[in-house]
Amino acid sequence: MTQQSPAMQEYFARFKKDCYEAFAIATTARAKGYDPENEVSVTLAETLAERVIGLISVIAPQIKGAGVEKRIEALEA
């Protein structure tokens, strides 16, 4: 892992916070029932493995919790 400057750390912390806030707003909006789907279909991801699982699980939900994420992380190392 590379060293980040304090400014860069602050940038990423703010970006992460903003993403979670936007996700919370989307979740609240979907829960109101105006959209055909009641849940936000996109999941938040912090790692490549989480992104892969999130994308694939849209068409193959059984992949969640199957251990694929750990395998991807092992291959990245």
C-alpha atoms as a PDB file:
ATOM      1  CA  MET A   1       0.000   0.000   0.000  1.00  0.00           C
ATOM      2  CA  THR A   2       1.313   3.449  -0.835  1.00  0.00           C
ATOM      3  CA  GLN A   3       1.601   6.316   1.603  1.00  0.00           C
ATOM      4  CA  GLN A   4      -0.996   9.027   1.163  1.00  0.00           C
ATOM      5  CA  SER A   5      -0.645  12.646   2.100  1.00  0.00           C
ATOM      6  CA  PRO A   6      -3.016  13.987   4.756  1.00  0.00           C
ATOM      7  CA  ALA A   7      -4.838  15.918   2.026  1.00  0.00           C
ATOM      8  CA  MET A   8      -5.321  12.746  -0.012  1.00  0.00           C
ATOM      9  CA  GLN A   9      -6.529  10.836   3.056  1.00  0.00           C
ATOM     10  CA  GLU A  10      -9.010  13.609   3.772  1.00  0.00           C
ATOM     11  CA  TYR A  11     -10.187  13.557   0.141  1.00  0.00           C
ATOM     12  CA  PHE A  12     -10.860   9.813   0.204  1.00  0.00           C
ATOM     13  CA  ALA A  13     -12.532   9.987   3.619  1.00  0.00           C
ATOM     14  CA  ARG A  14     -14.850  12.723   2.353  1.00  0.00           C
ATOM     15  CA  PHE A  15     -15.540  10.811  -0.861  1.00  0.00           C
ATOM     16  CA  LYS A  16     -16.436   7.670   1.103  1.00  0.00           C
ATOM     17  CA  LYS A  17     -18.693   9.665   3.449  1.00  0.00           C
ATOM     18  CA  ASP A  18     -20.457  11.304   0.491  1.00  0.00           C
ATOM     19  CA  CYS A  19     -21.007   7.917  -1.176  1.00  0.00           C
ATOM     20  CA  TYR A  20     -22.598   6.486   1.957  1.00  0.00           C
ATOM     21  CA  GLU A  21     -24.803   9.575   2.300  1.00  0.00           C
ATOM     22  CA  ALA A  22     -25.951   9.272  -1.327  1.00  0.00           C
ATOM     23  CA  PHE A  23     -26.647   5.574  -0.816  1.00  0.00           C
ATOM     24  CA  ALA A  24     -28.738   6.368   2.275  1.00  0.00           C
ATOM     25  CA  ILE A  25     -30.737   8.949   0.316  1.00  0.00           C
ATOM     26  CA  ALA A  26     -31.313   6.466  -2.512  1.00  0.00           C
ATOM     27  CA  THR A  27     -32.403   3.798  -0.027  1.00  0.00           C
ATOM     28  CA  THR A  28     -34.877   6.176   1.605  1.00  0.00           C
ATOM     29  CA  ALA A  29     -36.243   7.270  -1.769  1.00  0.00           C
ATOM     30  CA  ARG A  30     -36.693   3.688  -2.975  1.00  0.00           C
ATOM     31  CA  ALA A  31     -38.464   2.744   0.260  1.00  0.00           C
ATOM     32  CA  LYS A  32     -41.200   5.291  -0.522  1.00  0.00           C
ATOM     33  CA  GLY A  33     -42.519   2.963  -3.217  1.00  0.00           C
ATOM     34  CA  TYR A  34     -42.556   5.294  -6.226  1.00  0.00           C
ATOM     35  CA  ASP A  35     -40.013   3.187  -8.071  1.00  0.00           C
ATOM     36  CA  PRO A  36     -40.805  -0.336  -9.347  1.00  0.00           C
ATOM     37  CA  GLU A  37     -37.963  -1.638  -7.141  1.00  0.00           C
ATOM     38  CA  ASN A  38     -38.059  -1.001  -3.400  1.00  0.00           C
ATOM     39  CA  GLU A  39     -34.334  -1.517  -2.853  1.00  0.00           C
ATOM     40  CA  VAL A  40     -31.249   0.082  -4.378  1.00  0.00           C
ATOM     41  CA  SER A  41     -29.830  -2.506  -6.778  1.00  0.00           C
ATOM     42  CA  VAL A  42     -26.239  -1.252  -6.662  1.00  0.00           C
ATOM     43  CA  THR A  43     -24.135  -2.057  -3.619  1.00  0.00           C
ATOM     44  CA  LEU A  44     -21.265  -0.002  -2.274  1.00  0.00           C
ATOM     45  CA  ALA A  45     -17.837  -1.560  -2.695  1.00  0.00           C
ATOM     46  CA  GLU A  46     -14.419  -0.609  -1.375  1.00  0.00           C
ATOM     47  CA  THR A  47     -12.305  -3.299  -3.043  1.00  0.00           C
ATOM     48  CA  LEU A  48     -12.020  -4.796  -6.503  1.00  0.00           C
ATOM     49  CA  ALA A  49     -13.371  -8.090  -5.190  1.00  0.00           C
ATOM     50  CA  GLU A  50     -16.437  -6.366  -3.732  1.00  0.00           C
ATOM     51  CA  ARG A  51     -17.046  -4.596  -7.056  1.00  0.00           C
ATOM     52  CA  VAL A  52     -16.829  -7.854  -8.987  1.00  0.00           C
ATOM     53  CA  ILE A  53     -19.270  -9.590  -6.643  1.00  0.00           C
ATOM     54  CA  GLY A  54     -21.627  -6.609  -6.763  1.00  0.00           C
ATOM     55  CA  LEU A  55     -21.701  -6.572 -10.554  1.00  0.00           C
ATOM     56  CA  ILE A  56     -22.042 -10.313 -11.042  1.00  0.00           C
ATOM     57  CA  SER A  57     -24.662 -10.684  -8.304  1.00  0.00           C
ATOM     58  CA  VAL A  58     -27.077  -8.578 -10.336  1.00  0.00           C
ATOM     59  CA  ILE A  59     -27.554 -11.525 -12.699  1.00  0.00           C
ATOM     60  CA  ALA A  60     -26.362 -14.325 -10.384  1.00  0.00           C
ATOM     61  CA  PRO A  61     -27.375 -13.452  -6.790  1.00  0.00           C
ATOM     62  CA  GLN A  62     -26.198 -16.825  -5.502  1.00  0.00           C
ATOM     63  CA  ILE A  63     -22.582 -15.643  -5.834  1.00  0.00           C
ATOM     64  CA  LYS A  64     -22.934 -13.472  -2.706  1.00  0.00           C
ATOM     65  CA  GLY A  65     -21.470 -15.274   0.282  1.00  0.00           C
ATOM     66  CA  ALA A  66     -20.028 -18.085  -1.841  1.00  0.00           C
ATOM     67  CA  GLY A  67     -16.410 -17.256  -0.994  1.00  0.00           C
ATOM     68  CA  VAL A  68     -15.517 -15.824  -4.391  1.00  0.00           C
ATOM     69  CA  GLU A  69     -14.512 -12.492  -2.862  1.00  0.00           C
ATOM     70  CA  LYS A  70     -11.806 -14.135  -0.726  1.00  0.00           C
ATOM     71  CA  ARG A  71     -10.510 -16.025  -3.758  1.00  0.00           C
ATOM     72  CA  ILE A  72     -10.261 -12.818  -5.806  1.00  0.00           C
ATOM     73  CA  GLU A  73      -8.385 -11.124  -2.963  1.00  0.00           C
ATOM     74  CA  ALA A  74      -5.999 -14.096  -2.769  1.00  0.00           C
ATOM     75  CA  LEU A  75      -5.324 -13.856  -6.500  1.00  0.00           C
ATOM     76  CA  GLU A  76      -4.626 -10.117  -6.158  1.00  0.00           C
ATOM     77  CA  ALA A  77      -1.975 -10.682  -3.476  1.00  0.00           C
END
